[in-house]
Amino acid sequence: MNYLVLLRHGQSQWNLENRFTGWTDVDITELGEQEARHAGELLKANNFKFDFLFTSVLKRAIRTADISMESAGYEHIPLERDQALNERHYGDLQGLNKAETAKKYGDEQVHLWRRSYDVNPPNGESLKDTAARTIPYYIDKIEPMVKAGKNLWVVAHGNSLRSLVMYLDNLSKEEVLELNIPTGVPLVYEFENGKILKKYYLE
């Protein structure tokens, strides 16, 4: 049995300020640091060890991984950072307050931009576009290591991880719209011979 752990970064400064973040490289808050430390403590308490770590190239994912590793007492883990795992790009909405944007464009339009599968915000990515880079990356880089029996850790973002879960769980585009991945809580997939045995959150 081997495992893949998915971890959404701890609360970022723009999560706190209710802004569309996307590819803007903001840091995590003090609460985000606490969430990252707690994730590491959970991994340590449950005896998780990793052969390889994947993160996006954005600071909030990298810092979450670093703090979690320290909290868990891990030595250096071989790693790869790739923008394929970056958060969904919100285009012209990046930096805007979500509530103010809803006042300007209407709740229905903002809900479509945020929650639909294939409606793009202005000059930004839909969830479908995000999946078009995360899933090929998973198939090319991560899945072969899963099938080889490696224990893997991916620290990334709400929408990049949602698209990976969509692939792993074979969700429809309607089902993935209801999926929300909490910050700082490890999501574990256990595998046997490349097949998923079970999934659960460490809490």
N, C-alpha and C. Protein backbone atom coordinates (compact mmCIF):
# COMPACT_ATOMS: atom_id res chain seq x y z
N MET A 1 0.85 -1.20 0.00
CA MET A 1 0.00 0.00 0.00
C MET A 1 0.89 1.25 0.00
N ASN A 2 0.54 2.19 -0.84
CA ASN A 2 1.22 3.49 -0.83
C ASN A 2 0.16 4.59 -0.86
N TYR A 3 0.59 5.84 -0.72
CA TYR A 3 -0.39 6.91 -0.59
C TYR A 3 0.04 8.18 -1.31
N LEU A 4 -0.98 8.96 -1.64
CA LEU A 4 -0.84 10.30 -2.20
C LEU A 4 -1.59 11.24 -1.26
N VAL A 5 -0.90 12.28 -0.79
CA VAL A 5 -1.53 13.26 0.09
C VAL A 5 -1.62 14.59 -0.63
N LEU A 6 -2.82 15.15 -0.69
CA LEU A 6 -3.07 16.47 -1.27
C LEU A 6 -3.30 17.46 -0.14
N LEU A 7 -2.62 18.61 -0.21
CA LEU A 7 -2.77 19.62 0.83
C LEU A 7 -2.96 20.99 0.19
N ARG A 8 -4.07 21.62 0.51
CA ARG A 8 -4.28 23.01 0.07
C ARG A 8 -3.54 23.94 1.03
N HIS A 9 -2.87 24.94 0.47
CA HIS A 9 -2.09 25.87 1.28
C HIS A 9 -2.93 26.49 2.40
N GLY A 10 -2.25 26.92 3.45
CA GLY A 10 -2.92 27.62 4.54
C GLY A 10 -3.49 28.95 4.08
N GLN A 11 -4.33 29.52 4.92
CA GLN A 11 -4.99 30.79 4.57
C GLN A 11 -3.96 31.82 4.08
N SER A 12 -4.25 32.44 2.93
CA SER A 12 -3.37 33.48 2.41
C SER A 12 -3.90 34.86 2.82
N GLN A 13 -3.07 35.88 2.61
CA GLN A 13 -3.48 37.24 2.94
C GLN A 13 -4.71 37.66 2.15
N TRP A 14 -4.77 37.25 0.90
CA TRP A 14 -5.94 37.63 0.08
C TRP A 14 -7.14 36.73 0.32
N ASN A 15 -6.94 35.51 0.85
CA ASN A 15 -8.09 34.75 1.36
C ASN A 15 -8.74 35.56 2.49
N LEU A 16 -7.89 36.05 3.38
CA LEU A 16 -8.36 36.83 4.53
C LEU A 16 -9.09 38.08 4.08
N GLU A 17 -8.57 38.74 3.03
CA GLU A 17 -9.17 39.99 2.55
C GLU A 17 -10.29 39.77 1.54
N ASN A 18 -10.64 38.50 1.29
CA ASN A 18 -11.73 38.14 0.38
C ASN A 18 -11.48 38.66 -1.04
N ARG A 19 -10.23 38.53 -1.50
CA ARG A 19 -9.88 38.96 -2.85
C ARG A 19 -9.67 37.76 -3.76
N PHE A 20 -9.91 37.95 -5.06
CA PHE A 20 -9.53 36.96 -6.05
C PHE A 20 -8.00 36.94 -6.13
N THR A 21 -7.40 35.80 -5.90
CA THR A 21 -5.94 35.74 -5.81
C THR A 21 -5.30 35.22 -7.09
N GLY A 22 -5.72 34.03 -7.54
CA GLY A 22 -5.17 33.49 -8.77
C GLY A 22 -3.66 33.31 -8.71
N TRP A 23 -2.95 33.90 -9.68
CA TRP A 23 -1.51 33.74 -9.76
C TRP A 23 -0.75 34.85 -9.02
N THR A 24 -1.46 35.77 -8.39
CA THR A 24 -0.78 36.79 -7.61
C THR A 24 -0.05 36.10 -6.45
N ASP A 25 1.23 36.45 -6.26
CA ASP A 25 2.08 35.67 -5.35
C ASP A 25 2.05 36.24 -3.94
N VAL A 26 0.92 36.08 -3.26
CA VAL A 26 0.78 36.58 -1.90
C VAL A 26 1.22 35.50 -0.91
N ASP A 27 1.56 35.93 0.30
CA ASP A 27 2.03 35.02 1.34
C ASP A 27 0.85 34.52 2.18
N ILE A 28 1.14 33.56 3.06
CA ILE A 28 0.12 33.08 3.98
C ILE A 28 0.09 33.97 5.22
N THR A 29 -1.05 33.95 5.91
CA THR A 29 -1.24 34.73 7.14
C THR A 29 -0.70 33.95 8.34
N GLU A 30 -0.80 34.56 9.51
CA GLU A 30 -0.44 33.85 10.74
C GLU A 30 -1.32 32.62 10.93
N LEU A 31 -2.61 32.75 10.62
CA LEU A 31 -3.50 31.59 10.68
C LEU A 31 -3.06 30.53 9.67
N GLY A 32 -2.66 30.97 8.47
CA GLY A 32 -2.18 30.03 7.46
C GLY A 32 -0.96 29.27 7.93
N GLU A 33 -0.06 29.96 8.66
CA GLU A 33 1.11 29.29 9.23
C GLU A 33 0.68 28.25 10.26
N GLN A 34 -0.31 28.61 11.08
CA GLN A 34 -0.82 27.65 12.09
C GLN A 34 -1.43 26.43 11.40
N GLU A 35 -2.18 26.65 10.32
CA GLU A 35 -2.78 25.54 9.57
C GLU A 35 -1.70 24.63 8.99
N ALA A 36 -0.64 25.24 8.47
CA ALA A 36 0.46 24.45 7.90
C ALA A 36 1.16 23.62 8.98
N ARG A 37 1.41 24.24 10.14
CA ARG A 37 2.03 23.50 11.25
C ARG A 37 1.16 22.35 11.70
N HIS A 38 -0.14 22.62 11.79
CA HIS A 38 -1.07 21.56 12.23
C HIS A 38 -1.10 20.41 11.22
N ALA A 39 -1.06 20.73 9.93
CA ALA A 39 -1.01 19.68 8.91
C ALA A 39 0.22 18.80 9.11
N GLY A 40 1.36 19.43 9.37
CA GLY A 40 2.58 18.67 9.63
C GLY A 40 2.46 17.79 10.86
N GLU A 41 1.84 18.32 11.91
CA GLU A 41 1.63 17.53 13.13
C GLU A 41 0.74 16.32 12.86
N LEU A 42 -0.30 16.51 12.06
CA LEU A 42 -1.18 15.39 11.70
C LEU A 42 -0.43 14.32 10.92
N LEU A 43 0.41 14.76 9.96
CA LEU A 43 1.19 13.80 9.17
C LEU A 43 2.16 13.03 10.05
N LYS A 44 2.80 13.74 10.97
CA LYS A 44 3.75 13.09 11.88
C LYS A 44 3.04 12.10 12.79
N ALA A 45 1.90 12.51 13.37
CA ALA A 45 1.16 11.65 14.30
C ALA A 45 0.67 10.37 13.65
N ASN A 46 0.46 10.44 12.32
CA ASN A 46 -0.04 9.27 11.59
C ASN A 46 1.07 8.57 10.81
N ASN A 47 2.31 8.91 11.12
CA ASN A 47 3.50 8.21 10.58
C ASN A 47 3.62 8.25 9.06
N PHE A 48 3.25 9.38 8.46
CA PHE A 48 3.41 9.53 7.02
C PHE A 48 4.87 9.88 6.69
N LYS A 49 5.42 9.19 5.72
CA LYS A 49 6.76 9.46 5.18
C LYS A 49 6.63 9.60 3.67
N PHE A 50 7.39 10.50 3.08
CA PHE A 50 7.23 10.78 1.66
C PHE A 50 8.52 10.57 0.86
N ASP A 51 8.33 10.04 -0.35
CA ASP A 51 9.43 9.87 -1.29
C ASP A 51 9.63 11.11 -2.16
N PHE A 52 8.55 11.88 -2.35
CA PHE A 52 8.65 13.02 -3.27
C PHE A 52 7.54 14.02 -2.95
N LEU A 53 7.87 15.30 -3.17
CA LEU A 53 6.94 16.40 -2.92
C LEU A 53 6.77 17.22 -4.19
N PHE A 54 5.53 17.56 -4.50
CA PHE A 54 5.22 18.45 -5.62
C PHE A 54 4.53 19.70 -5.08
N THR A 55 4.95 20.87 -5.56
CA THR A 55 4.23 22.10 -5.23
C THR A 55 4.08 22.95 -6.50
N SER A 56 3.23 23.97 -6.40
CA SER A 56 3.19 25.00 -7.44
C SER A 56 4.43 25.89 -7.27
N VAL A 57 4.52 26.93 -8.08
CA VAL A 57 5.64 27.87 -7.95
C VAL A 57 5.24 29.09 -7.12
N LEU A 58 4.06 29.07 -6.54
CA LEU A 58 3.56 30.22 -5.78
C LEU A 58 3.94 30.12 -4.30
N LYS A 59 4.28 31.26 -3.73
CA LYS A 59 4.83 31.36 -2.37
C LYS A 59 3.93 30.70 -1.33
N ARG A 60 2.63 30.85 -1.45
CA ARG A 60 1.74 30.35 -0.40
C ARG A 60 1.76 28.82 -0.33
N ALA A 61 1.96 28.15 -1.47
CA ALA A 61 2.09 26.69 -1.46
C ALA A 61 3.46 26.27 -0.96
N ILE A 62 4.51 26.96 -1.42
CA ILE A 62 5.87 26.62 -1.01
C ILE A 62 6.05 26.81 0.49
N ARG A 63 5.56 27.93 1.02
CA ARG A 63 5.69 28.21 2.46
C ARG A 63 4.90 27.20 3.29
N THR A 64 3.70 26.83 2.80
CA THR A 64 2.91 25.82 3.51
C THR A 64 3.66 24.50 3.57
N ALA A 65 4.25 24.11 2.45
CA ALA A 65 5.02 22.86 2.42
C ALA A 65 6.21 22.93 3.37
N ASP A 66 6.95 24.05 3.35
CA ASP A 66 8.13 24.20 4.20
C ASP A 66 7.77 24.12 5.68
N ILE A 67 6.71 24.85 6.07
CA ILE A 67 6.31 24.87 7.48
C ILE A 67 5.80 23.49 7.91
N SER A 68 5.02 22.84 7.05
CA SER A 68 4.50 21.50 7.37
C SER A 68 5.64 20.50 7.52
N MET A 69 6.63 20.58 6.62
CA MET A 69 7.78 19.68 6.70
C MET A 69 8.52 19.85 8.02
N GLU A 70 8.74 21.10 8.41
CA GLU A 70 9.45 21.37 9.66
C GLU A 70 8.65 20.86 10.86
N SER A 71 7.34 21.11 10.82
CA SER A 71 6.47 20.69 11.91
C SER A 71 6.44 19.17 12.05
N ALA A 72 6.51 18.48 10.91
CA ALA A 72 6.47 17.01 10.92
C ALA A 72 7.84 16.40 11.24
N GLY A 73 8.88 17.25 11.24
CA GLY A 73 10.21 16.74 11.53
C GLY A 73 10.85 16.02 10.35
N TYR A 74 10.38 16.33 9.13
CA TYR A 74 10.95 15.68 7.95
C TYR A 74 12.30 16.29 7.60
N GLU A 75 13.22 15.45 7.17
CA GLU A 75 14.44 15.93 6.53
C GLU A 75 14.08 16.34 5.11
N HIS A 76 15.09 16.65 4.33
CA HIS A 76 14.83 17.08 2.94
C HIS A 76 14.08 16.00 2.16
N ILE A 77 13.01 16.41 1.49
CA ILE A 77 12.26 15.52 0.59
C ILE A 77 12.54 15.97 -0.83
N PRO A 78 12.93 15.07 -1.74
CA PRO A 78 13.09 15.48 -3.15
C PRO A 78 11.81 16.13 -3.64
N LEU A 79 11.95 17.22 -4.41
CA LEU A 79 10.73 17.93 -4.79
C LEU A 79 10.82 18.51 -6.19
N GLU A 80 9.64 18.85 -6.70
CA GLU A 80 9.53 19.56 -7.97
C GLU A 80 8.45 20.62 -7.82
N ARG A 81 8.76 21.83 -8.31
CA ARG A 81 7.78 22.92 -8.34
C ARG A 81 7.44 23.21 -9.78
N ASP A 82 6.15 23.32 -10.07
CA ASP A 82 5.74 23.55 -11.45
C ASP A 82 4.49 24.42 -11.49
N GLN A 83 4.45 25.35 -12.45
CA GLN A 83 3.29 26.23 -12.54
C GLN A 83 2.05 25.50 -13.03
N ALA A 84 2.21 24.27 -13.51
CA ALA A 84 1.04 23.46 -13.85
C ALA A 84 0.13 23.26 -12.64
N LEU A 85 0.71 23.32 -11.43
CA LEU A 85 -0.06 23.15 -10.20
C LEU A 85 -0.52 24.47 -9.60
N ASN A 86 -0.23 25.58 -10.29
CA ASN A 86 -0.68 26.89 -9.79
C ASN A 86 -2.19 26.96 -9.68
N GLU A 87 -2.63 27.90 -8.85
CA GLU A 87 -4.06 28.19 -8.73
C GLU A 87 -4.61 28.61 -10.09
N ARG A 88 -5.90 28.50 -10.23
CA ARG A 88 -6.59 29.03 -11.41
C ARG A 88 -6.28 30.52 -11.58
N HIS A 89 -5.99 30.93 -12.80
CA HIS A 89 -5.70 32.35 -13.09
C HIS A 89 -7.02 33.10 -13.23
N TYR A 90 -7.21 34.12 -12.39
CA TYR A 90 -8.48 34.84 -12.39
C TYR A 90 -8.49 36.06 -13.31
N GLY A 91 -7.42 36.26 -14.09
CA GLY A 91 -7.43 37.31 -15.10
C GLY A 91 -7.67 38.69 -14.51
N ASP A 92 -8.62 39.41 -15.11
CA ASP A 92 -8.89 40.80 -14.70
C ASP A 92 -9.48 40.91 -13.29
N LEU A 93 -9.93 39.79 -12.73
CA LEU A 93 -10.52 39.82 -11.39
C LEU A 93 -9.46 39.77 -10.29
N GLN A 94 -8.23 39.40 -10.62
CA GLN A 94 -7.20 39.23 -9.60
C GLN A 94 -6.98 40.53 -8.83
N GLY A 95 -7.01 40.42 -7.51
CA GLY A 95 -6.84 41.57 -6.64
C GLY A 95 -8.13 42.25 -6.24
N LEU A 96 -9.22 41.93 -6.95
CA LEU A 96 -10.50 42.57 -6.64
C LEU A 96 -11.18 41.89 -5.46
N ASN A 97 -11.87 42.67 -4.66
CA ASN A 97 -12.66 42.13 -3.57
C ASN A 97 -13.88 41.41 -4.13
N LYS A 98 -14.15 40.23 -3.63
CA LYS A 98 -15.24 39.41 -4.20
C LYS A 98 -16.61 40.05 -3.99
N ALA A 99 -16.82 40.63 -2.81
CA ALA A 99 -18.12 41.26 -2.54
C ALA A 99 -18.32 42.50 -3.41
N GLU A 100 -17.27 43.30 -3.57
CA GLU A 100 -17.37 44.49 -4.42
C GLU A 100 -17.58 44.12 -5.88
N THR A 101 -16.92 43.03 -6.30
CA THR A 101 -17.08 42.56 -7.68
C THR A 101 -18.51 42.10 -7.93
N ALA A 102 -19.11 41.46 -6.92
CA ALA A 102 -20.51 41.02 -7.04
C ALA A 102 -21.45 42.22 -7.16
N LYS A 103 -21.14 43.31 -6.44
CA LYS A 103 -21.96 44.52 -6.55
C LYS A 103 -21.86 45.12 -7.96
N LYS A 104 -20.68 45.05 -8.54
CA LYS A 104 -20.44 45.66 -9.85
C LYS A 104 -21.05 44.84 -10.98
N TYR A 105 -20.85 43.52 -10.93
CA TYR A 105 -21.26 42.66 -12.05
C TYR A 105 -22.52 41.85 -11.77
N GLY A 106 -22.94 41.82 -10.50
CA GLY A 106 -24.10 41.03 -10.11
C GLY A 106 -23.69 39.68 -9.54
N ASP A 107 -24.45 39.24 -8.55
CA ASP A 107 -24.14 37.97 -7.88
C ASP A 107 -24.11 36.80 -8.84
N GLU A 108 -25.07 36.78 -9.76
CA GLU A 108 -25.19 35.63 -10.67
C GLU A 108 -23.96 35.51 -11.57
N GLN A 109 -23.50 36.65 -12.10
CA GLN A 109 -22.33 36.61 -12.98
C GLN A 109 -21.08 36.17 -12.22
N VAL A 110 -20.87 36.70 -11.02
CA VAL A 110 -19.70 36.33 -10.23
C VAL A 110 -19.78 34.86 -9.82
N HIS A 111 -20.97 34.39 -9.49
CA HIS A 111 -21.14 32.97 -9.16
C HIS A 111 -20.77 32.10 -10.36
N LEU A 112 -21.16 32.52 -11.55
CA LEU A 112 -20.79 31.78 -12.77
C LEU A 112 -19.27 31.74 -12.94
N TRP A 113 -18.62 32.90 -12.78
CA TRP A 113 -17.17 32.95 -12.92
C TRP A 113 -16.47 32.05 -11.91
N ARG A 114 -16.99 32.03 -10.68
CA ARG A 114 -16.33 31.29 -9.61
C ARG A 114 -16.65 29.80 -9.64
N ARG A 115 -17.88 29.45 -9.98
CA ARG A 115 -18.33 28.07 -9.74
C ARG A 115 -18.67 27.27 -10.99
N SER A 116 -18.80 27.90 -12.14
CA SER A 116 -19.11 27.11 -13.33
C SER A 116 -17.85 26.36 -13.77
N TYR A 117 -18.02 25.36 -14.57
CA TYR A 117 -16.88 24.55 -15.03
C TYR A 117 -16.15 25.21 -16.19
N ASP A 118 -16.89 25.84 -17.10
CA ASP A 118 -16.26 26.27 -18.35
C ASP A 118 -16.57 27.72 -18.75
N VAL A 119 -16.98 28.54 -17.77
CA VAL A 119 -17.17 29.98 -18.03
C VAL A 119 -15.94 30.72 -17.51
N ASN A 120 -15.26 31.44 -18.40
CA ASN A 120 -14.03 32.14 -18.03
C ASN A 120 -14.31 33.52 -17.47
N PRO A 121 -13.62 33.91 -16.38
CA PRO A 121 -13.62 35.32 -16.00
C PRO A 121 -12.85 36.10 -17.07
N PRO A 122 -13.02 37.42 -17.15
CA PRO A 122 -12.34 38.19 -18.21
C PRO A 122 -10.82 37.97 -18.19
N ASN A 123 -10.29 37.47 -19.31
CA ASN A 123 -8.85 37.22 -19.48
C ASN A 123 -8.29 36.22 -18.47
N GLY A 124 -9.16 35.35 -17.95
CA GLY A 124 -8.71 34.37 -16.97
C GLY A 124 -9.05 32.94 -17.38
N GLU A 125 -8.79 32.01 -16.45
CA GLU A 125 -9.02 30.59 -16.70
C GLU A 125 -10.33 30.12 -16.07
N SER A 126 -11.01 29.24 -16.74
CA SER A 126 -12.11 28.49 -16.14
C SER A 126 -11.51 27.27 -15.41
N LEU A 127 -12.33 26.56 -14.66
CA LEU A 127 -11.86 25.32 -14.03
C LEU A 127 -11.45 24.32 -15.11
N LYS A 128 -12.16 24.33 -16.23
CA LYS A 128 -11.81 23.45 -17.35
C LYS A 128 -10.40 23.76 -17.85
N ASP A 129 -10.05 25.05 -17.96
CA ASP A 129 -8.71 25.44 -18.40
C ASP A 129 -7.66 24.99 -17.38
N THR A 130 -7.98 25.13 -16.10
CA THR A 130 -7.05 24.71 -15.05
C THR A 130 -6.80 23.21 -15.14
N ALA A 131 -7.87 22.45 -15.31
CA ALA A 131 -7.74 21.00 -15.43
C ALA A 131 -6.92 20.60 -16.66
N ALA A 132 -6.96 21.44 -17.70
CA ALA A 132 -6.23 21.14 -18.93
C ALA A 132 -4.71 21.20 -18.74
N ARG A 133 -4.26 21.80 -17.63
CA ARG A 133 -2.82 21.77 -17.33
C ARG A 133 -2.48 20.88 -16.14
N THR A 134 -3.39 20.81 -15.14
CA THR A 134 -3.07 20.00 -13.96
C THR A 134 -3.17 18.50 -14.24
N ILE A 135 -4.18 18.09 -14.97
CA ILE A 135 -4.38 16.65 -15.18
C ILE A 135 -3.29 16.04 -16.07
N PRO A 136 -2.90 16.67 -17.20
CA PRO A 136 -1.76 16.13 -17.95
C PRO A 136 -0.47 16.07 -17.13
N TYR A 137 -0.26 17.07 -16.28
CA TYR A 137 0.92 17.06 -15.40
C TYR A 137 0.85 15.86 -14.45
N TYR A 138 -0.32 15.64 -13.87
CA TYR A 138 -0.49 14.49 -12.98
C TYR A 138 -0.22 13.18 -13.72
N ILE A 139 -0.80 13.04 -14.90
CA ILE A 139 -0.63 11.80 -15.66
C ILE A 139 0.82 11.58 -16.06
N ASP A 140 1.52 12.66 -16.39
CA ASP A 140 2.91 12.56 -16.85
C ASP A 140 3.90 12.38 -15.71
N LYS A 141 3.73 13.15 -14.63
CA LYS A 141 4.75 13.20 -13.58
C LYS A 141 4.39 12.42 -12.31
N ILE A 142 3.15 12.50 -11.90
CA ILE A 142 2.78 11.97 -10.58
C ILE A 142 2.27 10.53 -10.66
N GLU A 143 1.39 10.28 -11.59
CA GLU A 143 0.76 8.95 -11.69
C GLU A 143 1.77 7.81 -11.86
N PRO A 144 2.82 7.97 -12.69
CA PRO A 144 3.80 6.88 -12.78
C PRO A 144 4.47 6.56 -11.44
N MET A 145 4.68 7.59 -10.62
CA MET A 145 5.29 7.36 -9.31
C MET A 145 4.30 6.68 -8.35
N VAL A 146 3.02 7.04 -8.47
CA VAL A 146 1.99 6.34 -7.70
C VAL A 146 1.99 4.86 -8.05
N LYS A 147 2.01 4.57 -9.36
CA LYS A 147 1.97 3.18 -9.82
C LYS A 147 3.23 2.41 -9.44
N ALA A 148 4.33 3.15 -9.23
CA ALA A 148 5.58 2.52 -8.81
C ALA A 148 5.64 2.31 -7.29
N GLY A 149 4.56 2.70 -6.60
CA GLY A 149 4.48 2.45 -5.16
C GLY A 149 5.10 3.52 -4.28
N LYS A 150 5.36 4.69 -4.84
CA LYS A 150 5.95 5.78 -4.07
C LYS A 150 4.89 6.49 -3.22
N ASN A 151 5.34 7.05 -2.11
CA ASN A 151 4.49 7.87 -1.25
C ASN A 151 4.71 9.33 -1.60
N LEU A 152 3.64 10.02 -2.02
CA LEU A 152 3.77 11.33 -2.64
C LEU A 152 2.92 12.37 -1.91
N TRP A 153 3.38 13.62 -2.03
CA TRP A 153 2.73 14.74 -1.35
C TRP A 153 2.63 15.89 -2.34
N VAL A 154 1.42 16.42 -2.51
CA VAL A 154 1.18 17.55 -3.40
C VAL A 154 0.62 18.70 -2.58
N VAL A 155 1.33 19.83 -2.56
CA VAL A 155 0.85 21.03 -1.87
C VAL A 155 0.53 22.07 -2.93
N ALA A 156 -0.74 22.42 -3.05
CA ALA A 156 -1.16 23.31 -4.14
C ALA A 156 -2.34 24.16 -3.68
N HIS A 157 -3.35 24.32 -4.52
CA HIS A 157 -4.37 25.36 -4.36
C HIS A 157 -5.77 24.78 -4.52
N GLY A 158 -6.76 25.56 -4.10
CA GLY A 158 -8.14 25.09 -4.13
C GLY A 158 -8.56 24.54 -5.47
N ASN A 159 -8.36 25.31 -6.55
CA ASN A 159 -8.87 24.88 -7.85
C ASN A 159 -7.96 23.88 -8.56
N SER A 160 -6.64 24.00 -8.38
CA SER A 160 -5.76 22.99 -8.99
C SER A 160 -6.00 21.64 -8.33
N LEU A 161 -6.21 21.63 -7.01
CA LEU A 161 -6.49 20.36 -6.34
C LEU A 161 -7.88 19.84 -6.66
N ARG A 162 -8.86 20.73 -6.81
CA ARG A 162 -10.20 20.28 -7.21
C ARG A 162 -10.14 19.56 -8.55
N SER A 163 -9.35 20.09 -9.47
CA SER A 163 -9.27 19.44 -10.78
C SER A 163 -8.58 18.07 -10.70
N LEU A 164 -7.60 17.94 -9.79
CA LEU A 164 -6.97 16.63 -9.61
C LEU A 164 -7.93 15.64 -8.97
N VAL A 165 -8.70 16.09 -7.98
CA VAL A 165 -9.70 15.22 -7.36
C VAL A 165 -10.76 14.82 -8.39
N MET A 166 -11.11 15.74 -9.27
CA MET A 166 -12.04 15.42 -10.35
C MET A 166 -11.54 14.23 -11.16
N TYR A 167 -10.26 14.23 -11.46
CA TYR A 167 -9.65 13.13 -12.22
C TYR A 167 -9.59 11.85 -11.39
N LEU A 168 -9.10 11.97 -10.16
CA LEU A 168 -8.93 10.78 -9.31
C LEU A 168 -10.25 10.11 -8.98
N ASP A 169 -11.28 10.93 -8.72
CA ASP A 169 -12.59 10.40 -8.30
C ASP A 169 -13.55 10.23 -9.48
N ASN A 170 -13.08 10.58 -10.67
CA ASN A 170 -13.92 10.47 -11.88
C ASN A 170 -15.23 11.24 -11.73
N LEU A 171 -15.10 12.49 -11.26
CA LEU A 171 -16.28 13.33 -11.06
C LEU A 171 -16.73 13.95 -12.38
N SER A 172 -18.03 14.17 -12.50
CA SER A 172 -18.55 14.91 -13.64
C SER A 172 -18.30 16.40 -13.43
N LYS A 173 -18.48 17.19 -14.48
CA LYS A 173 -18.28 18.64 -14.34
C LYS A 173 -19.33 19.25 -13.42
N GLU A 174 -20.48 18.59 -13.27
CA GLU A 174 -21.49 19.06 -12.32
C GLU A 174 -21.07 18.73 -10.88
N GLU A 175 -20.55 17.52 -10.68
CA GLU A 175 -20.16 17.09 -9.33
C GLU A 175 -18.99 17.91 -8.79
N VAL A 176 -18.04 18.27 -9.67
CA VAL A 176 -16.86 18.99 -9.19
C VAL A 176 -17.22 20.41 -8.72
N LEU A 177 -18.34 20.94 -9.22
CA LEU A 177 -18.75 22.28 -8.80
C LEU A 177 -19.11 22.33 -7.32
N GLU A 178 -19.55 21.20 -6.76
CA GLU A 178 -19.93 21.14 -5.35
C GLU A 178 -18.75 20.84 -4.45
N LEU A 179 -17.59 20.55 -5.05
CA LEU A 179 -16.42 20.13 -4.28
C LEU A 179 -15.67 21.34 -3.73
N ASN A 180 -15.40 21.32 -2.44
CA ASN A 180 -14.57 22.35 -1.82
C ASN A 180 -13.51 21.67 -0.97
N ILE A 181 -12.26 22.08 -1.12
CA ILE A 181 -11.17 21.48 -0.37
C ILE A 181 -10.71 22.48 0.68
N PRO A 182 -10.78 22.12 1.96
CA PRO A 182 -10.42 23.08 3.01
C PRO A 182 -8.92 23.37 3.05
N THR A 183 -8.56 24.54 3.55
CA THR A 183 -7.15 24.91 3.67
C THR A 183 -6.52 24.14 4.82
N GLY A 184 -5.30 23.65 4.58
CA GLY A 184 -4.49 23.09 5.65
C GLY A 184 -4.90 21.74 6.20
N VAL A 185 -5.77 21.01 5.50
CA VAL A 185 -6.21 19.70 5.98
C VAL A 185 -5.77 18.63 4.97
N PRO A 186 -4.85 17.72 5.34
CA PRO A 186 -4.37 16.71 4.39
C PRO A 186 -5.49 15.77 3.92
N LEU A 187 -5.57 15.60 2.60
CA LEU A 187 -6.50 14.67 1.97
C LEU A 187 -5.68 13.48 1.47
N VAL A 188 -5.98 12.29 1.99
CA VAL A 188 -5.17 11.10 1.73
C VAL A 188 -5.88 10.16 0.77
N TYR A 189 -5.15 9.73 -0.26
CA TYR A 189 -5.58 8.63 -1.12
C TYR A 189 -4.65 7.45 -0.87
N GLU A 190 -5.21 6.31 -0.51
CA GLU A 190 -4.42 5.09 -0.36
C GLU A 190 -4.57 4.24 -1.62
N PHE A 191 -3.45 3.70 -2.09
CA PHE A 191 -3.43 2.93 -3.33
C PHE A 191 -2.89 1.52 -3.09
N GLU A 192 -3.36 0.60 -3.89
CA GLU A 192 -2.80 -0.75 -3.98
C GLU A 192 -2.67 -1.08 -5.45
N ASN A 193 -1.43 -1.29 -5.89
CA ASN A 193 -1.16 -1.59 -7.31
C ASN A 193 -1.76 -0.52 -8.24
N GLY A 194 -1.64 0.73 -7.83
CA GLY A 194 -2.10 1.83 -8.67
C GLY A 194 -3.59 2.11 -8.62
N LYS A 195 -4.33 1.33 -7.86
CA LYS A 195 -5.79 1.51 -7.74
C LYS A 195 -6.12 2.12 -6.38
N ILE A 196 -7.07 3.05 -6.36
CA ILE A 196 -7.45 3.70 -5.12
C ILE A 196 -8.22 2.73 -4.22
N LEU A 197 -7.70 2.57 -2.99
CA LEU A 197 -8.39 1.74 -2.00
C LEU A 197 -9.41 2.57 -1.23
N LYS A 198 -8.96 3.76 -0.76
CA LYS A 198 -9.86 4.63 -0.01
C LYS A 198 -9.26 6.03 0.03
N LYS A 199 -10.09 7.00 0.43
CA LYS A 199 -9.65 8.38 0.60
C LYS A 199 -10.26 8.92 1.88
N TYR A 200 -9.55 9.84 2.52
CA TYR A 200 -10.05 10.41 3.77
C TYR A 200 -9.21 11.65 4.11
N TYR A 201 -9.80 12.51 4.92
CA TYR A 201 -9.09 13.66 5.46
C TYR A 201 -8.46 13.28 6.80
N LEU A 202 -7.25 13.74 7.04
CA LEU A 202 -6.62 13.61 8.36
C LEU A 202 -7.13 14.73 9.24
N GLU A 203 -7.75 14.38 10.35
CA GLU A 203 -8.28 15.42 11.24
C GLU A 203 -8.08 15.03 12.67
